[in-house]
Amino acid sequence: MKENTLEEKESDNENGRPGSEISLDSSDSNRKRPSLRGSAKFRRVPSAANSQGSMEDKMLALNALLSDSLLITEFPGRNGEVSRNGKTEDDDTLKDEFGDDLSDDDFEELPEDGRSSRDVDYDTDLDMDYDEWINEAKREIENDKTGEKKYLHMCEETGVIPASYFLNHIQEKEFSMKYHGLGPNGAKAIAWPLKTNKKIEKINLEGNWIEAEGSIYLAKMLKNNIYVTELHLAENRIGNEGAEAISDMLQKNDMIYSLDLSGNSIEDYGAEKLCRVLLKNSSIKHLYLANNKFEERAAGWLREVLTNNETLETVDLSWNHLRTRGAIAIAEGVQENYGLRILNLAMNGFAQDGSEAMGKALKNNRTLLELDLSHNRIPEAGATAISQGLQHNDTLKVLRVASNPLGGEGPLELLNVIAKNDMSEIRVLDLTDVLVTPAFKELQQSLEKDRILTVYFGNVVGEIFDFSSIRFDPFCDFRRNPMSLLIEYCKEAGYRLVDLFNDFDRDGNQVISKEEFIMGIKKAGVKISIRQLEILIESLDINKDGNIDYSSILSFEEGK
């Protein structure tokens, strides 16, 4: 050891810097490496303390070592010390550092390039099994019972910004996410986690414009779902293609009992697809198809459904385009139906023929409890036909015929039938915005005293309207101080009142006619309504002689 130390000192003096010269010798294929747990990979290089090579050779050797992408670690010495310069100089030094217990068993052969092939000493991403890692991530997503990871994964796949509302309510029985702007991709993102969700029973996605594409994703999700019982997709623009996707889903899903497809621009083709399924479906009880584009052909299919399906209890077909022939077809279906409880046919253009057909239906139907025929252009003759149907009806509880031109006798006939039919179950008669006669009002007051009956109606013919009931006066502020407001209006227009009226006051007596006053206001471009002009003239024409003395106005302006 002393000799080595002297040699190192001599080398330090010769080269002008401490340390020993490093020599790279790759010809020795039997070099050994200490198999020390926790150490990093390194290559032992013998020291060359007495080397006389040039500085250039040393730098080349050093560059070769550094470019070899190897980590050279420090070896702990005795008593926790680190050997000088972090290098071992030969096998004797190793034994000196680690003791006599170091044997050949602690070494292993290195390949010719000096690298170790042992994988147990260190881990890098180069040795990672990517397939196993990816499969593990997939398993985590597939085994996600809450659906949160699936949703976030789908958001990343589709480029959709995750909605915290969805994550916060995904475990609730009634999931309502109305008007959140999901769109087709948003619907796709929520469809996958909902597929395996066992909590949600009611889904309401009204007003999200998921369109046909989004409805297809949801339909695939619901095909084998046995937990969702209510599906509300109103105002989503799914069209015929979306209606067809929902129809295909209903062929396999028999758990949904409430379906809302209102406001989706579904036409006769889509209606046909839905009706073909409804002819065989025995689970749907409540069907909402309002505000679509159903016409006569769709009405024909709906007639078949109403005739043969006894499961449906609620049907909403309001705001469609059924018109007269379509209305007759629906009425024929109602006449043969034995399960329907609530039917909404408002805003469909029934007219006289349609209302007459509905009168016949009411005569034979024994299950319908509520019927809405509002906004259907039903004339007085139509009201008479409906009245005839009510003579034999003892089940209907609510009849709505609001906003129809029923004439003078139509409303009274309806009320008379209810009064004469002791078996009548009518509890609500809605004639909102329908003009009635004093005789109607008298009978209405009498019936409401004797029966459990509520009647809504419009104005009564011949009654004087009580204007004192109007509490809001839009000109209240203007009436209180019209002069001040007139001056403000003139300033906004860039005029003074004195300039405004002097142009029309030819004799200079500060009196002008009403016509001249109005012309002056118009010339100035003052923003004032006709009613405000009338109020101003009324307040300025003090003598009621048709002339306006504006001297008081000018003095008022000067005071301002």
Protein backbone atom coordinates (compact mmCIF):
# COMPACT_ATOMS: atom_id res chain seq x y z
CA MET A 1 0.00 0.00 0.00
CA LYS A 2 2.83 2.40 0.74
CA GLU A 3 4.36 1.76 -2.68
CA ASN A 4 1.08 2.51 -4.36
CA THR A 5 0.78 5.71 -2.41
CA LEU A 6 4.26 6.84 -3.46
CA GLU A 7 3.53 6.02 -7.07
CA GLU A 8 0.36 8.06 -6.96
CA LYS A 9 2.21 11.03 -5.49
CA GLU A 10 4.85 10.81 -8.22
CA SER A 11 2.11 10.68 -10.82
CA ASP A 12 0.54 13.76 -9.26
CA ASN A 13 3.81 15.66 -9.51
CA GLU A 14 4.41 14.62 -13.11
CA ASN A 15 0.95 15.43 -14.48
CA GLY A 16 0.32 18.54 -12.44
CA ARG A 17 -2.97 17.30 -10.95
CA PRO A 18 -4.01 14.74 -8.38
CA GLY A 19 -5.38 11.34 -9.23
CA SER A 20 -4.18 8.43 -11.27
CA GLU A 21 -4.24 7.97 -15.00
CA ILE A 22 -7.16 5.90 -16.27
CA SER A 23 -6.40 3.23 -18.83
CA LEU A 24 -9.14 1.52 -20.86
CA ASP A 25 -8.22 -2.04 -21.79
CA SER A 26 -11.04 -3.96 -23.47
CA SER A 27 -8.91 -6.97 -24.39
CA ASP A 28 -9.33 -8.63 -21.03
CA SER A 29 -12.53 -10.66 -21.44
CA ASN A 30 -12.31 -12.29 -18.02
CA ARG A 31 -12.80 -9.19 -15.92
CA LYS A 32 -15.00 -9.62 -12.89
CA ARG A 33 -17.53 -7.39 -11.19
CA PRO A 34 -18.49 -7.31 -7.50
CA SER A 35 -22.03 -8.63 -7.08
CA LEU A 36 -23.02 -6.19 -4.37
CA ARG A 37 -26.71 -5.70 -3.74
CA GLY A 38 -27.82 -2.12 -4.20
CA SER A 39 -24.80 -1.07 -6.25
CA ALA A 40 -25.18 0.39 -9.72
CA LYS A 41 -23.62 -1.06 -12.85
CA PHE A 42 -20.01 -0.16 -13.32
CA ARG A 43 -16.95 -1.39 -15.15
CA ARG A 44 -13.72 -1.91 -13.31
CA VAL A 45 -10.71 -0.36 -15.00
CA PRO A 46 -7.16 -0.98 -13.80
CA SER A 47 -5.25 2.07 -12.75
CA ALA A 48 -2.09 3.09 -14.48
CA ALA A 49 -0.31 5.29 -12.02
CA ASN A 50 3.04 5.20 -13.90
CA SER A 51 1.56 5.94 -17.35
CA GLN A 52 3.57 8.47 -19.39
CA GLY A 53 0.85 9.04 -22.04
CA SER A 54 0.06 12.49 -23.24
CA MET A 55 -2.81 14.61 -22.01
CA GLU A 56 -4.56 13.92 -25.32
CA ASP A 57 -4.50 10.18 -24.70
CA LYS A 58 -5.91 10.73 -21.25
CA MET A 59 -8.74 12.87 -22.56
CA LEU A 60 -9.58 10.30 -25.24
CA ALA A 61 -9.69 7.61 -22.60
CA LEU A 62 -11.90 9.74 -20.37
CA ASN A 63 -14.29 10.55 -23.24
CA ALA A 64 -14.53 6.88 -24.11
CA LEU A 65 -15.44 6.07 -20.55
CA LEU A 66 -18.07 8.81 -20.28
CA SER A 67 -19.67 7.95 -23.62
CA ASP A 68 -20.11 4.33 -22.56
CA SER A 69 -23.46 5.22 -20.81
CA LEU A 70 -22.32 3.54 -17.59
CA LEU A 71 -22.78 4.66 -14.02
CA ILE A 72 -19.64 4.55 -11.88
CA THR A 73 -20.57 4.51 -8.25
CA GLU A 74 -18.56 5.07 -5.13
CA PHE A 75 -17.65 2.11 -3.00
CA PRO A 76 -18.10 2.45 0.74
CA GLY A 77 -14.83 1.95 2.51
CA ARG A 78 -14.04 0.92 5.98
CA ASN A 79 -16.05 2.50 8.75
CA GLY A 80 -18.47 3.99 6.22
CA GLU A 81 -15.74 5.98 4.36
CA VAL A 82 -15.61 6.33 0.61
CA SER A 83 -12.52 5.31 -1.32
CA ARG A 84 -10.44 8.07 -2.83
CA ASN A 85 -11.79 9.60 -6.07
CA GLY A 86 -14.65 7.11 -6.04
CA LYS A 87 -12.54 4.56 -7.99
CA THR A 88 -11.03 1.16 -7.22
CA GLU A 89 -7.55 0.69 -8.47
CA ASP A 90 -7.15 -3.11 -8.57
CA ASP A 91 -8.26 -6.34 -6.95
CA ASP A 92 -5.95 -5.75 -3.99
CA THR A 93 -7.64 -2.45 -3.36
CA LEU A 94 -11.05 -4.18 -3.44
CA LYS A 95 -9.90 -6.66 -0.84
CA ASP A 96 -8.40 -3.85 1.14
CA GLU A 97 -11.72 -1.99 0.96
CA PHE A 98 -14.07 -4.91 1.62
CA GLY A 99 -11.92 -7.26 3.70
CA ASP A 100 -10.54 -10.74 3.27
CA ASP A 101 -14.03 -12.24 3.08
CA LEU A 102 -14.29 -11.11 -0.54
CA SER A 103 -13.98 -14.19 -2.77
CA ASP A 104 -14.46 -15.17 -6.38
CA ASP A 105 -18.05 -16.09 -5.62
CA ASP A 106 -18.76 -12.41 -5.16
CA PHE A 107 -17.84 -11.72 -8.79
CA GLU A 108 -19.55 -12.55 -12.02
CA GLU A 109 -18.28 -12.55 -15.54
CA LEU A 110 -18.97 -9.48 -17.67
CA PRO A 111 -19.50 -9.65 -21.43
CA GLU A 112 -16.84 -8.23 -23.65
CA ASP A 113 -18.49 -4.82 -23.84
CA GLY A 114 -18.23 -4.50 -20.08
CA ARG A 115 -22.01 -4.33 -19.49
CA SER A 116 -23.89 -6.45 -17.00
CA SER A 117 -26.86 -8.50 -18.10
CA ARG A 118 -28.37 -8.94 -14.65
CA ASP A 119 -31.94 -7.55 -14.41
CA VAL A 120 -32.30 -7.91 -10.67
CA ASP A 121 -29.88 -5.11 -9.83
CA TYR A 122 -31.90 -2.26 -11.37
CA ASP A 123 -35.15 -1.36 -13.19
CA THR A 124 -35.59 0.89 -16.20
CA ASP A 125 -38.49 1.65 -18.54
CA LEU A 126 -36.51 -0.21 -21.23
CA ASP A 127 -37.18 -3.47 -19.40
CA MET A 128 -40.88 -2.70 -18.74
CA ASP A 129 -43.50 -5.06 -20.15
CA TYR A 130 -45.72 -2.53 -21.90
CA ASP A 131 -48.35 -5.09 -22.86
CA GLU A 132 -48.72 -6.15 -19.26
CA TRP A 133 -48.89 -2.52 -18.13
CA ILE A 134 -51.54 -1.65 -20.73
CA ASN A 135 -53.57 -4.75 -19.92
CA GLU A 136 -53.43 -3.88 -16.25
CA ALA A 137 -54.80 -0.39 -17.01
CA LYS A 138 -57.54 -1.93 -19.13
CA ARG A 139 -58.46 -4.31 -16.33
CA GLU A 140 -58.72 -1.40 -13.90
CA ILE A 141 -61.12 0.39 -16.25
CA GLU A 142 -63.18 -2.72 -16.97
CA ASN A 143 -63.46 -3.55 -13.26
CA ASP A 144 -64.51 0.00 -12.40
CA LYS A 145 -67.85 -0.47 -10.64
CA THR A 146 -68.58 3.24 -10.16
CA GLY A 147 -68.10 4.12 -13.84
CA GLU A 148 -65.90 7.12 -13.05
CA LYS A 149 -62.73 5.71 -14.65
CA LYS A 150 -64.67 4.55 -17.68
CA TYR A 151 -66.18 8.00 -18.12
CA LEU A 152 -62.82 9.77 -17.80
CA HIS A 153 -61.26 7.30 -20.22
CA MET A 154 -64.01 7.89 -22.79
CA CYS A 155 -63.70 11.65 -22.36
CA GLU A 156 -60.00 11.35 -23.16
CA GLU A 157 -60.74 9.16 -26.18
CA THR A 158 -63.43 11.46 -27.59
CA GLY A 159 -61.85 14.78 -26.62
CA VAL A 160 -64.80 15.72 -24.41
CA ILE A 161 -64.27 17.86 -21.33
CA PRO A 162 -65.39 15.75 -18.33
CA ALA A 163 -68.48 17.04 -16.54
CA SER A 164 -68.16 17.02 -12.77
CA TYR A 165 -71.97 16.89 -12.58
CA PHE A 166 -71.94 13.44 -14.14
CA LEU A 167 -69.31 12.15 -11.71
CA ASN A 168 -71.19 13.60 -8.74
CA HIS A 169 -74.54 12.03 -9.65
CA ILE A 170 -73.57 8.76 -11.32
CA GLN A 171 -74.52 6.75 -8.23
CA GLU A 172 -78.02 8.20 -7.82
CA LYS A 173 -81.22 6.37 -8.75
CA GLU A 174 -82.60 9.31 -10.71
CA PHE A 175 -79.93 10.73 -13.01
CA SER A 176 -81.01 14.05 -14.53
CA MET A 177 -78.59 15.97 -16.76
CA LYS A 178 -80.87 18.33 -18.68
CA TYR A 179 -79.57 21.10 -20.96
CA HIS A 180 -75.86 20.41 -20.39
CA GLY A 181 -74.90 20.63 -24.07
CA LEU A 182 -73.58 17.06 -24.28
CA GLY A 183 -73.84 16.63 -28.03
CA PRO A 184 -73.12 13.29 -29.77
CA ASN A 185 -69.64 12.82 -28.25
CA GLY A 186 -70.85 13.71 -24.78
CA ALA A 187 -73.55 11.05 -25.12
CA LYS A 188 -70.91 8.56 -26.21
CA ALA A 189 -68.77 9.39 -23.18
CA ILE A 190 -71.57 8.71 -20.69
CA ALA A 191 -72.99 5.68 -22.51
CA TRP A 192 -70.14 3.30 -21.65
CA PRO A 193 -70.11 3.85 -17.87
CA LEU A 194 -73.92 3.70 -17.82
CA LYS A 195 -73.83 0.30 -19.49
CA THR A 196 -72.69 -1.45 -16.32
CA ASN A 197 -74.20 0.98 -13.83
CA LYS A 198 -76.48 -0.81 -11.37
CA LYS A 199 -77.70 2.25 -9.48
CA ILE A 200 -79.43 4.46 -12.04
CA GLU A 201 -83.08 3.69 -12.74
CA LYS A 202 -84.17 6.93 -14.40
CA ILE A 203 -82.18 8.79 -17.09
CA ASN A 204 -83.20 12.30 -18.14
CA LEU A 205 -81.06 13.91 -20.86
CA GLU A 206 -83.58 16.45 -22.12
CA GLY A 207 -82.30 19.28 -24.29
CA ASN A 208 -78.75 18.04 -24.96
CA TRP A 209 -78.91 17.77 -28.77
CA ILE A 210 -77.26 14.38 -28.82
CA GLU A 211 -78.71 13.87 -32.32
CA ALA A 212 -79.00 10.49 -34.04
CA GLU A 213 -75.37 9.57 -33.36
CA GLY A 214 -75.71 10.09 -29.62
CA SER A 215 -78.99 8.18 -29.47
CA ILE A 216 -77.33 5.22 -31.19
CA TYR A 217 -74.65 5.09 -28.47
CA LEU A 218 -77.31 5.22 -25.75
CA ALA A 219 -79.42 2.58 -27.47
CA LYS A 220 -76.47 0.17 -27.59
CA MET A 221 -75.86 0.83 -23.91
CA LEU A 222 -79.48 0.08 -22.99
CA LYS A 223 -79.92 -3.11 -25.00
CA ASN A 224 -78.85 -5.36 -22.14
CA ASN A 225 -79.41 -2.96 -19.25
CA ILE A 226 -81.88 -4.37 -16.72
CA TYR A 227 -81.85 -1.46 -14.29
CA VAL A 228 -83.01 1.61 -16.25
CA THR A 229 -86.82 1.88 -16.26
CA GLU A 230 -87.36 5.49 -17.44
CA LEU A 231 -85.67 7.14 -20.43
CA HIS A 232 -86.27 10.82 -21.23
CA LEU A 233 -84.63 12.09 -24.43
CA ALA A 234 -86.87 15.06 -25.25
CA GLU A 235 -85.47 17.92 -27.36
CA ASN A 236 -82.41 16.07 -28.66
CA ARG A 237 -82.92 16.12 -32.45
CA ILE A 238 -82.53 12.38 -32.85
CA GLY A 239 -84.74 12.29 -35.97
CA ASN A 240 -85.83 9.14 -37.79
CA GLU A 241 -82.45 7.45 -37.46
CA GLY A 242 -82.44 7.92 -33.71
CA ALA A 243 -86.03 6.70 -33.44
CA GLU A 244 -85.04 3.57 -35.34
CA ALA A 245 -82.11 2.95 -32.97
CA ILE A 246 -84.39 3.30 -29.95
CA SER A 247 -86.89 0.93 -31.59
CA ASP A 248 -84.19 -1.71 -32.11
CA MET A 249 -83.19 -1.36 -28.47
CA LEU A 250 -86.78 -1.85 -27.27
CA GLN A 251 -86.93 -5.20 -29.05
CA LYS A 252 -84.40 -6.55 -26.54
CA ASN A 253 -85.04 -4.33 -23.52
CA ASP A 254 -88.29 -5.05 -21.71
CA MET A 255 -87.51 -3.09 -18.54
CA ILE A 256 -88.27 0.46 -19.72
CA TYR A 257 -91.84 1.48 -18.89
CA SER A 258 -91.59 5.26 -19.55
CA LEU A 259 -90.20 6.70 -22.81
CA ASP A 260 -90.07 10.40 -23.75
CA LEU A 261 -89.03 11.26 -27.32
CA SER A 262 -90.79 14.63 -27.56
CA GLY A 263 -89.35 17.41 -29.70
CA ASN A 264 -87.04 15.23 -31.80
CA SER A 265 -88.21 15.97 -35.37
CA ILE A 266 -89.35 12.37 -35.84
CA GLU A 267 -91.38 11.91 -39.02
CA ASP A 268 -93.75 9.21 -40.26
CA TYR A 269 -90.88 6.80 -41.01
CA GLY A 270 -89.59 6.98 -37.45
CA ALA A 271 -93.13 6.71 -36.11
CA GLU A 272 -93.62 3.50 -38.10
CA LYS A 273 -90.46 1.96 -36.59
CA LEU A 274 -91.63 2.82 -33.08
CA CYS A 275 -95.17 1.58 -33.66
CA ARG A 276 -94.02 -1.78 -35.03
CA VAL A 277 -92.20 -2.36 -31.75
CA LEU A 278 -95.07 -1.04 -29.62
CA LEU A 279 -97.43 -3.56 -31.22
CA LYS A 280 -95.41 -6.30 -29.51
CA ASN A 281 -94.09 -4.42 -26.48
CA SER A 282 -95.81 -5.11 -23.18
CA SER A 283 -93.63 -3.04 -20.84
CA ILE A 284 -94.01 0.61 -21.92
CA LYS A 285 -96.84 2.31 -20.05
CA HIS A 286 -96.07 5.99 -20.60
CA LEU A 287 -95.19 7.26 -24.08
CA TYR A 288 -94.45 10.92 -24.87
CA LEU A 289 -94.14 11.82 -28.56
CA ALA A 290 -95.19 15.48 -28.50
CA ASN A 291 -93.81 18.15 -30.83
CA ASN A 292 -92.68 15.85 -33.62
CA LYS A 293 -93.69 15.72 -37.30
CA PHE A 294 -96.29 12.97 -37.32
CA GLU A 295 -98.81 13.22 -40.13
CA GLU A 296 -101.54 11.03 -41.57
CA ARG A 297 -99.40 7.92 -42.17
CA ALA A 298 -98.02 8.06 -38.64
CA ALA A 299 -101.57 8.42 -37.33
CA GLY A 300 -102.51 5.20 -39.13
CA TRP A 301 -99.78 3.29 -37.31
CA LEU A 302 -100.71 4.90 -34.01
CA ARG A 303 -104.31 3.76 -34.54
CA GLU A 304 -103.04 0.17 -34.75
CA VAL A 305 -101.08 0.62 -31.55
CA LEU A 306 -104.04 2.07 -29.65
CA THR A 307 -106.30 -0.68 -30.95
CA ASN A 308 -104.04 -3.61 -30.03
CA ASN A 309 -101.82 -2.43 -27.18
CA GLU A 310 -103.54 -2.59 -23.81
CA THR A 311 -100.40 -1.78 -21.80
CA LEU A 312 -100.15 1.91 -22.67
CA GLU A 313 -101.65 4.16 -20.01
CA THR A 314 -100.33 7.59 -21.06
CA VAL A 315 -99.86 8.86 -24.62
CA ASP A 316 -98.87 12.42 -25.52
CA LEU A 317 -99.20 13.31 -29.21
CA SER A 318 -99.65 17.06 -28.81
CA TRP A 319 -98.13 19.56 -31.22
CA ASN A 320 -97.93 17.20 -34.19
CA HIS A 321 -99.40 17.49 -37.72
CA LEU A 322 -102.19 14.92 -37.58
CA ARG A 323 -104.86 17.19 -39.11
CA THR A 324 -108.38 15.95 -39.86
CA ARG A 325 -107.69 12.48 -41.29
CA GLY A 326 -105.00 11.80 -38.73
CA ALA A 327 -107.33 12.93 -35.96
CA ILE A 328 -110.04 10.56 -37.19
CA ALA A 329 -107.54 7.67 -37.21
CA ILE A 330 -106.48 8.39 -33.63
CA ALA A 331 -110.11 8.65 -32.52
CA GLU A 332 -110.83 5.25 -34.06
CA GLY A 333 -107.96 3.78 -32.06
CA VAL A 334 -109.26 5.36 -28.85
CA GLN A 335 -112.70 3.90 -29.52
CA GLU A 336 -111.25 0.36 -29.52
CA ASN A 337 -108.77 0.88 -26.69
CA TYR A 338 -109.21 -0.68 -23.25
CA GLY A 339 -106.15 0.43 -21.34
CA LEU A 340 -105.43 4.11 -22.01
CA ARG A 341 -105.81 6.53 -19.08
CA ILE A 342 -104.38 9.87 -20.28
CA LEU A 343 -104.36 11.16 -23.88
CA ASN A 344 -103.00 14.54 -24.99
CA LEU A 345 -103.96 15.56 -28.53
CA ALA A 346 -103.62 19.34 -28.22
CA MET A 347 -102.52 21.42 -31.22
CA ASN A 348 -103.25 18.92 -34.00
CA GLY A 349 -105.91 20.63 -36.14
CA PHE A 350 -108.88 18.34 -35.39
CA ALA A 351 -111.49 20.79 -36.71
CA GLN A 352 -115.10 19.59 -36.96
CA ASP A 353 -114.58 16.12 -38.47
CA GLY A 354 -111.88 15.19 -36.00
CA SER A 355 -113.91 16.36 -33.00
CA GLU A 356 -116.98 14.45 -34.23
CA ALA A 357 -114.88 11.27 -34.44
CA MET A 358 -113.63 11.88 -30.91
CA GLY A 359 -117.22 12.30 -29.72
CA LYS A 360 -117.96 8.77 -30.96
CA ALA A 361 -114.83 7.47 -29.25
CA LEU A 362 -115.91 8.95 -25.90
CA LYS A 363 -119.24 7.23 -26.24
CA ASN A 364 -117.60 3.78 -26.34
CA ASN A 365 -114.36 4.17 -24.38
CA ARG A 366 -114.53 3.08 -20.74
CA THR A 367 -110.96 3.60 -19.49
CA LEU A 368 -109.90 7.11 -20.51
CA LEU A 369 -109.59 9.45 -17.52
CA GLU A 370 -108.08 12.61 -19.04
CA LEU A 371 -108.39 14.04 -22.56
CA ASP A 372 -106.78 17.23 -23.89
CA LEU A 373 -108.18 18.69 -27.12
CA SER A 374 -106.95 22.27 -26.65
CA HIS A 375 -105.93 24.44 -29.64
CA ASN A 376 -107.59 22.22 -32.24
CA ARG A 377 -109.86 24.66 -34.15
CA ILE A 378 -112.95 22.88 -32.83
CA PRO A 379 -116.10 24.82 -33.85
CA GLU A 380 -119.50 24.92 -32.17
CA ALA A 381 -120.66 21.80 -34.04
CA GLY A 382 -117.59 19.97 -32.81
CA ALA A 383 -118.43 20.91 -29.22
CA THR A 384 -121.94 19.53 -29.77
CA ALA A 385 -120.50 16.20 -31.02
CA ILE A 386 -118.24 15.91 -27.99
CA SER A 387 -121.22 16.67 -25.73
CA GLN A 388 -123.12 13.78 -27.26
CA GLY A 389 -120.24 11.46 -26.47
CA LEU A 390 -120.19 12.65 -22.85
CA GLN A 391 -123.86 11.71 -22.41
CA HIS A 392 -122.86 8.03 -22.23
CA ASN A 393 -119.43 8.39 -20.63
CA ASP A 394 -119.00 7.65 -16.94
CA THR A 395 -115.19 7.45 -16.63
CA LEU A 396 -113.66 10.68 -17.98
CA LYS A 397 -112.53 12.97 -15.15
CA VAL A 398 -110.67 15.79 -16.95
CA LEU A 399 -111.66 17.36 -20.26
CA ARG A 400 -109.59 20.19 -21.72
CA VAL A 401 -111.00 22.06 -24.72
CA ALA A 402 -109.22 25.38 -24.15
CA SER A 403 -108.52 27.95 -26.87
CA ASN A 404 -111.08 26.64 -29.34
CA PRO A 405 -113.73 28.71 -31.22
CA LEU A 406 -116.65 26.87 -29.62
CA GLY A 407 -119.17 29.61 -30.40
CA GLY A 408 -121.85 30.93 -28.07
CA GLU A 409 -123.71 27.66 -27.45
CA GLY A 410 -120.82 25.16 -27.55
CA PRO A 411 -119.53 25.76 -24.00
CA LEU A 412 -123.06 25.78 -22.60
CA GLU A 413 -123.87 22.43 -24.27
CA LEU A 414 -120.81 20.83 -22.70
CA LEU A 415 -121.77 22.10 -19.27
CA ASN A 416 -125.43 21.07 -19.69
CA VAL A 417 -124.44 17.48 -20.51
CA ILE A 418 -122.34 17.29 -17.36
CA ALA A 419 -125.23 18.69 -15.32
CA LYS A 420 -127.78 16.22 -16.74
CA ASN A 421 -125.58 13.11 -16.56
CA ASP A 422 -125.75 11.90 -12.98
CA MET A 423 -123.11 9.27 -13.78
CA SER A 424 -120.63 11.86 -15.07
CA GLU A 425 -117.23 11.75 -13.39
CA ILE A 426 -116.00 15.06 -14.83
CA ARG A 427 -114.02 16.93 -12.17
CA VAL A 428 -112.27 19.50 -14.37
CA LEU A 429 -113.66 21.25 -17.45
CA ASP A 430 -111.00 23.49 -18.97
CA LEU A 431 -112.34 26.14 -21.37
CA THR A 432 -109.54 28.65 -20.85
CA ASP A 433 -109.67 31.56 -23.35
CA VAL A 434 -113.10 30.47 -24.56
CA LEU A 435 -115.78 33.18 -24.61
CA VAL A 436 -118.91 32.14 -22.68
CA THR A 437 -122.41 33.54 -22.08
CA PRO A 438 -123.95 34.78 -18.83
CA ALA A 439 -126.14 31.65 -18.83
CA PHE A 440 -123.00 29.51 -18.85
CA LYS A 441 -121.56 31.42 -15.90
CA GLU A 442 -124.78 31.04 -13.93
CA LEU A 443 -124.86 27.26 -14.51
CA GLN A 444 -121.15 26.97 -13.74
CA GLN A 445 -121.60 28.65 -10.35
CA SER A 446 -124.50 26.37 -9.52
CA LEU A 447 -122.68 23.17 -10.46
CA GLU A 448 -119.52 24.09 -8.56
CA LYS A 449 -121.64 24.49 -5.41
CA ASP A 450 -123.36 21.12 -5.76
CA ARG A 451 -120.55 18.99 -7.21
CA ILE A 452 -116.83 18.47 -6.99
CA LEU A 453 -116.25 20.38 -10.21
CA THR A 454 -113.88 23.12 -11.35
CA VAL A 455 -114.57 25.03 -14.56
CA TYR A 456 -112.06 27.34 -16.24
CA PHE A 457 -113.27 29.77 -18.93
CA GLY A 458 -112.47 33.09 -20.61
CA ASN A 459 -114.49 36.30 -20.66
CA VAL A 460 -118.26 36.52 -20.41
CA VAL A 461 -120.20 38.07 -23.29
CA GLY A 462 -121.77 41.42 -22.34
CA GLU A 463 -119.77 42.01 -19.19
CA ILE A 464 -118.10 45.41 -18.84
CA PHE A 465 -114.40 45.10 -18.34
CA ASP A 466 -113.22 46.54 -15.05
CA PHE A 467 -110.20 48.72 -15.93
CA SER A 468 -109.56 49.38 -12.26
CA SER A 469 -108.18 45.86 -12.09
CA ILE A 470 -105.19 47.03 -14.14
CA ARG A 471 -102.58 47.95 -11.60
CA PHE A 472 -99.59 48.53 -13.85
CA ASP A 473 -99.38 51.86 -15.69
CA PRO A 474 -96.44 51.99 -18.12
CA PHE A 475 -96.74 55.82 -18.31
CA CYS A 476 -96.89 56.36 -14.57
CA ASP A 477 -93.50 58.14 -14.37
CA PHE A 478 -94.26 60.24 -17.43
CA ARG A 479 -97.60 61.37 -15.99
CA ARG A 480 -95.96 62.52 -12.77
CA ASN A 481 -93.49 64.90 -14.40
CA PRO A 482 -93.89 65.16 -18.20
CA MET A 483 -91.96 68.49 -18.45
CA SER A 484 -88.77 67.14 -16.94
CA LEU A 485 -88.80 64.10 -19.19
CA LEU A 486 -89.49 66.26 -22.26
CA ILE A 487 -86.46 68.43 -21.48
CA GLU A 488 -84.30 65.31 -21.05
CA TYR A 489 -85.52 63.91 -24.37
CA CYS A 490 -84.68 67.20 -26.12
CA LYS A 491 -81.18 67.24 -24.62
CA GLU A 492 -80.59 63.70 -25.87
CA ALA A 493 -81.62 64.89 -29.34
CA GLY A 494 -79.32 67.94 -29.09
CA TYR A 495 -82.06 70.60 -28.93
CA ARG A 496 -83.19 73.34 -26.57
CA LEU A 497 -86.91 73.86 -26.11
CA VAL A 498 -86.63 77.58 -26.90
CA ASP A 499 -85.07 76.79 -30.29
CA LEU A 500 -87.57 74.05 -30.88
CA PHE A 501 -90.68 76.21 -30.47
CA ASN A 502 -89.39 79.59 -31.76
CA ASP A 503 -89.28 78.19 -35.28
CA PHE A 504 -93.06 77.75 -35.20
CA ASP A 505 -94.00 80.82 -33.13
CA ARG A 506 -94.30 83.37 -35.97
CA ASP A 507 -95.80 86.22 -33.95
CA GLY A 508 -93.58 85.62 -30.91
CA ASN A 509 -96.39 85.38 -28.38
CA GLN A 510 -95.11 82.00 -27.13
CA VAL A 511 -98.32 80.25 -28.18
CA ILE A 512 -98.43 77.49 -30.82
CA SER A 513 -101.03 75.03 -32.02
CA LYS A 514 -101.06 71.34 -31.18
CA GLU A 515 -100.10 70.49 -34.75
CA GLU A 516 -97.09 72.85 -34.62
CA PHE A 517 -96.06 71.33 -31.30
CA ILE A 518 -96.14 67.81 -32.74
CA MET A 519 -94.20 68.92 -35.85
CA GLY A 520 -91.54 70.50 -33.65
CA ILE A 521 -91.13 67.30 -31.62
CA LYS A 522 -90.80 65.22 -34.79
CA LYS A 523 -88.34 67.67 -36.37
CA ALA A 524 -86.09 67.47 -33.35
CA GLY A 525 -86.10 63.67 -33.52
CA VAL A 526 -87.17 63.37 -29.90
CA LYS A 527 -87.77 59.73 -28.96
CA ILE A 528 -91.27 59.90 -27.56
CA SER A 529 -94.33 57.71 -28.10
CA ILE A 530 -97.70 58.88 -29.39
CA ARG A 531 -99.28 58.21 -26.02
CA GLN A 532 -96.63 60.35 -24.31
CA LEU A 533 -97.34 63.15 -26.81
CA GLU A 534 -101.01 62.99 -25.93
CA ILE A 535 -100.20 63.25 -22.22
CA LEU A 536 -97.93 66.26 -22.86
CA ILE A 537 -100.51 68.10 -24.97
CA GLU A 538 -103.19 67.39 -22.39
CA SER A 539 -101.07 68.89 -19.62
CA LEU A 540 -99.88 71.92 -21.68
CA ASP A 541 -103.27 72.92 -23.12
CA ILE A 542 -104.38 74.56 -19.91
CA ASN A 543 -107.29 76.53 -21.43
CA LYS A 544 -108.43 73.58 -23.54
CA ASP A 545 -108.56 75.83 -26.61
CA GLY A 546 -106.33 73.72 -28.79
CA ASN A 547 -103.28 75.98 -28.33
CA ILE A 548 -100.20 75.47 -26.20
CA ASP A 549 -98.66 78.27 -24.15
CA TYR A 550 -95.03 77.18 -23.93
CA SER A 551 -93.82 80.15 -21.85
CA SER A 552 -94.21 78.04 -18.72
CA ILE A 553 -92.12 75.32 -20.35
CA LEU A 554 -89.31 77.76 -21.14
CA SER A 555 -89.30 79.17 -17.63
CA PHE A 556 -89.21 75.62 -16.30
CA GLU A 557 -86.25 74.83 -18.56
CA GLU A 558 -84.39 77.95 -17.38
CA GLY A 559 -85.00 76.91 -13.78
CA LYS A 560 -83.49 73.54 -14.54
